[in-house]
Amino acid sequence: MATPRFLTLADVADVLNVSWRQVYALVRRKELIAIQIGGRGQWRVETEELERFIAQKYAEARAGTVPEEPDNAAVAEAASRTSPPAGEEPSPS
């Protein structure tokens, strides 16, 4: 069977091993180009576009331009400095 020209967002999610919502977010941010066919929610991604997207992500990873995941300890520490302890009201400025 020939490779289909267009994939649904669910198909793309399967290929990338992510959720449908994550693929939809990529489309909304225009990181992954898709076209809308017919009614609501009928998005299609061209197979070549998906391959371009994957190649771009590899290029970003090689170049070191992919944002690093935040260190959970640092995030928790920063949050503790900006929010009051549990059960306390923030002080008026």
C-alpha atoms as a PDB file:
ATOM      1  CA  MET A   1       0.000   0.000   0.000  1.00  0.00           C
ATOM      2  CA  ALA A   2       1.286   3.478  -0.897  1.00  0.00           C
ATOM      3  CA  THR A   3       2.131   5.998   1.797  1.00  0.00           C
ATOM      4  CA  PRO A   4      -0.757   8.458   2.205  1.00  0.00           C
ATOM      5  CA  ARG A   5      -0.066  12.062   1.229  1.00  0.00           C
ATOM      6  CA  PHE A   6      -1.951  13.491   4.220  1.00  0.00           C
ATOM      7  CA  LEU A   7      -2.104  12.414   7.862  1.00  0.00           C
ATOM      8  CA  THR A   8      -4.655  13.260  10.538  1.00  0.00           C
ATOM      9  CA  LEU A   9      -3.439  14.863  13.757  1.00  0.00           C
ATOM     10  CA  ALA A  10      -4.014  11.504  15.468  1.00  0.00           C
ATOM     11  CA  ASP A  11      -1.760   9.839  12.869  1.00  0.00           C
ATOM     12  CA  VAL A  12       0.933  12.468  13.468  1.00  0.00           C
ATOM     13  CA  ALA A  13       0.596  11.948  17.233  1.00  0.00           C
ATOM     14  CA  ASP A  14       1.214   8.220  16.713  1.00  0.00           C
ATOM     15  CA  VAL A  15       4.310   8.881  14.599  1.00  0.00           C
ATOM     16  CA  LEU A  16       5.751  11.342  17.123  1.00  0.00           C
ATOM     17  CA  ASN A  17       4.590   9.285  20.133  1.00  0.00           C
ATOM     18  CA  VAL A  18       2.834  12.289  21.695  1.00  0.00           C
ATOM     19  CA  SER A  19      -0.790  13.187  22.409  1.00  0.00           C
ATOM     20  CA  TRP A  20      -3.239  14.631  19.895  1.00  0.00           C
ATOM     21  CA  ARG A  21      -3.356  17.802  22.009  1.00  0.00           C
ATOM     22  CA  GLN A  22       0.421  18.245  21.719  1.00  0.00           C
ATOM     23  CA  VAL A  23       0.223  17.959  17.924  1.00  0.00           C
ATOM     24  CA  TYR A  24      -2.681  20.422  17.860  1.00  0.00           C
ATOM     25  CA  ALA A  25      -0.591  22.870  19.932  1.00  0.00           C
ATOM     26  CA  LEU A  26       2.260  22.568  17.403  1.00  0.00           C
ATOM     27  CA  VAL A  27      -0.207  23.375  14.620  1.00  0.00           C
ATOM     28  CA  ARG A  28      -1.673  26.352  16.517  1.00  0.00           C
ATOM     29  CA  ARG A  29       1.855  27.729  17.142  1.00  0.00           C
ATOM     30  CA  LYS A  30       2.617  27.173  13.429  1.00  0.00           C
ATOM     31  CA  GLU A  31       5.593  24.966  14.277  1.00  0.00           C
ATOM     32  CA  LEU A  32       3.928  22.203  12.268  1.00  0.00           C
ATOM     33  CA  ILE A  33       2.066  23.345   9.171  1.00  0.00           C
ATOM     34  CA  ALA A  34      -1.362  21.781   8.630  1.00  0.00           C
ATOM     35  CA  ILE A  35      -4.393  22.519   6.525  1.00  0.00           C
ATOM     36  CA  GLN A  36      -7.995  22.477   7.649  1.00  0.00           C
ATOM     37  CA  ILE A  37     -10.359  20.481   5.457  1.00  0.00           C
ATOM     38  CA  GLY A  38     -14.114  20.851   5.747  1.00  0.00           C
ATOM     39  CA  GLY A  39     -15.637  21.333   9.188  1.00  0.00           C
ATOM     40  CA  ARG A  40     -14.149  21.917  12.578  1.00  0.00           C
ATOM     41  CA  GLY A  41     -11.298  19.717  13.673  1.00  0.00           C
ATOM     42  CA  GLN A  42     -10.557  18.248  10.240  1.00  0.00           C
ATOM     43  CA  TRP A  43      -6.827  19.013  10.159  1.00  0.00           C
ATOM     44  CA  ARG A  44      -4.389  17.288   7.808  1.00  0.00           C
ATOM     45  CA  VAL A  45      -0.593  17.318   7.765  1.00  0.00           C
ATOM     46  CA  GLU A  46       1.224  16.485   4.565  1.00  0.00           C
ATOM     47  CA  THR A  47       3.681  13.618   5.008  1.00  0.00           C
ATOM     48  CA  GLU A  48       6.492  15.742   3.552  1.00  0.00           C
ATOM     49  CA  GLU A  49       5.691  18.522   6.052  1.00  0.00           C
ATOM     50  CA  LEU A  50       5.944  16.074   8.953  1.00  0.00           C
ATOM     51  CA  GLU A  51       9.332  14.876   7.667  1.00  0.00           C
ATOM     52  CA  ARG A  52      10.475  18.520   7.359  1.00  0.00           C
ATOM     53  CA  PHE A  53       9.328  19.192  10.924  1.00  0.00           C
ATOM     54  CA  ILE A  54      11.236  16.169  12.248  1.00  0.00           C
ATOM     55  CA  ALA A  55      14.383  17.168  10.316  1.00  0.00           C
ATOM     56  CA  GLN A  56      14.101  20.718  11.703  1.00  0.00           C
ATOM     57  CA  LYS A  57      13.843  19.420  15.268  1.00  0.00           C
ATOM     58  CA  TYR A  58      16.954  17.287  14.739  1.00  0.00           C
ATOM     59  CA  ALA A  59      18.800  20.310  13.315  1.00  0.00           C
ATOM     60  CA  GLU A  60      17.788  22.376  16.361  1.00  0.00           C
ATOM     61  CA  ALA A  61      18.972  19.621  18.689  1.00  0.00           C
ATOM     62  CA  ARG A  62      22.340  19.394  16.908  1.00  0.00           C
ATOM     63  CA  ALA A  63      22.750  23.190  17.028  1.00  0.00           C
ATOM     64  CA  GLY A  64      21.835  23.306  20.702  1.00  0.00           C
ATOM     65  CA  THR A  65      18.923  25.680  20.098  1.00  0.00           C
ATOM     66  CA  VAL A  66      16.348  23.472  21.811  1.00  0.00           C
ATOM     67  CA  PRO A  67      15.396  25.006  25.170  1.00  0.00           C
ATOM     68  CA  GLU A  68      16.504  22.873  28.062  1.00  0.00           C
ATOM     69  CA  GLU A  69      14.008  21.417  30.493  1.00  0.00           C
ATOM     70  CA  PRO A  70      13.964  23.449  33.704  1.00  0.00           C
ATOM     71  CA  ASP A  71      15.591  21.927  36.756  1.00  0.00           C
ATOM     72  CA  ASN A  72      12.694  20.896  39.026  1.00  0.00           C
ATOM     73  CA  ALA A  73      14.580  21.860  42.188  1.00  0.00           C
ATOM     74  CA  ALA A  74      15.333  25.337  40.809  1.00  0.00           C
ATOM     75  CA  VAL A  75      11.720  25.806  39.732  1.00  0.00           C
ATOM     76  CA  ALA A  76      10.445  24.779  43.174  1.00  0.00           C
ATOM     77  CA  GLU A  77      12.942  27.115  44.877  1.00  0.00           C
ATOM     78  CA  ALA A  78      11.937  30.062  42.655  1.00  0.00           C
ATOM     79  CA  ALA A  79       8.254  29.370  43.295  1.00  0.00           C
ATOM     80  CA  SER A  80       8.826  29.290  47.047  1.00  0.00           C
ATOM     81  CA  ARG A  81      10.471  32.720  46.895  1.00  0.00           C
ATOM     82  CA  THR A  82       7.576  34.289  44.958  1.00  0.00           C
ATOM     83  CA  SER A  83       4.596  32.751  46.727  1.00  0.00           C
ATOM     84  CA  PRO A  84       3.638  32.882  50.407  1.00  0.00           C
ATOM     85  CA  PRO A  85       3.788  29.725  52.525  1.00  0.00           C
ATOM     86  CA  ALA A  86       0.681  27.534  52.389  1.00  0.00           C
ATOM     87  CA  GLY A  87      -2.229  28.987  54.327  1.00  0.00           C
ATOM     88  CA  GLU A  88      -0.895  32.551  54.400  1.00  0.00           C
ATOM     89  CA  GLU A  89      -2.247  35.520  52.539  1.00  0.00           C
ATOM     90  CA  PRO A  90       0.143  37.523  50.361  1.00  0.00           C
ATOM     91  CA  SER A  91       1.216  40.783  51.975  1.00  0.00           C
ATOM     92  CA  PRO A  92      -0.108  43.984  50.366  1.00  0.00           C
ATOM     93  CA  SER A  93       2.468  45.896  48.324  1.00  0.00           C
END
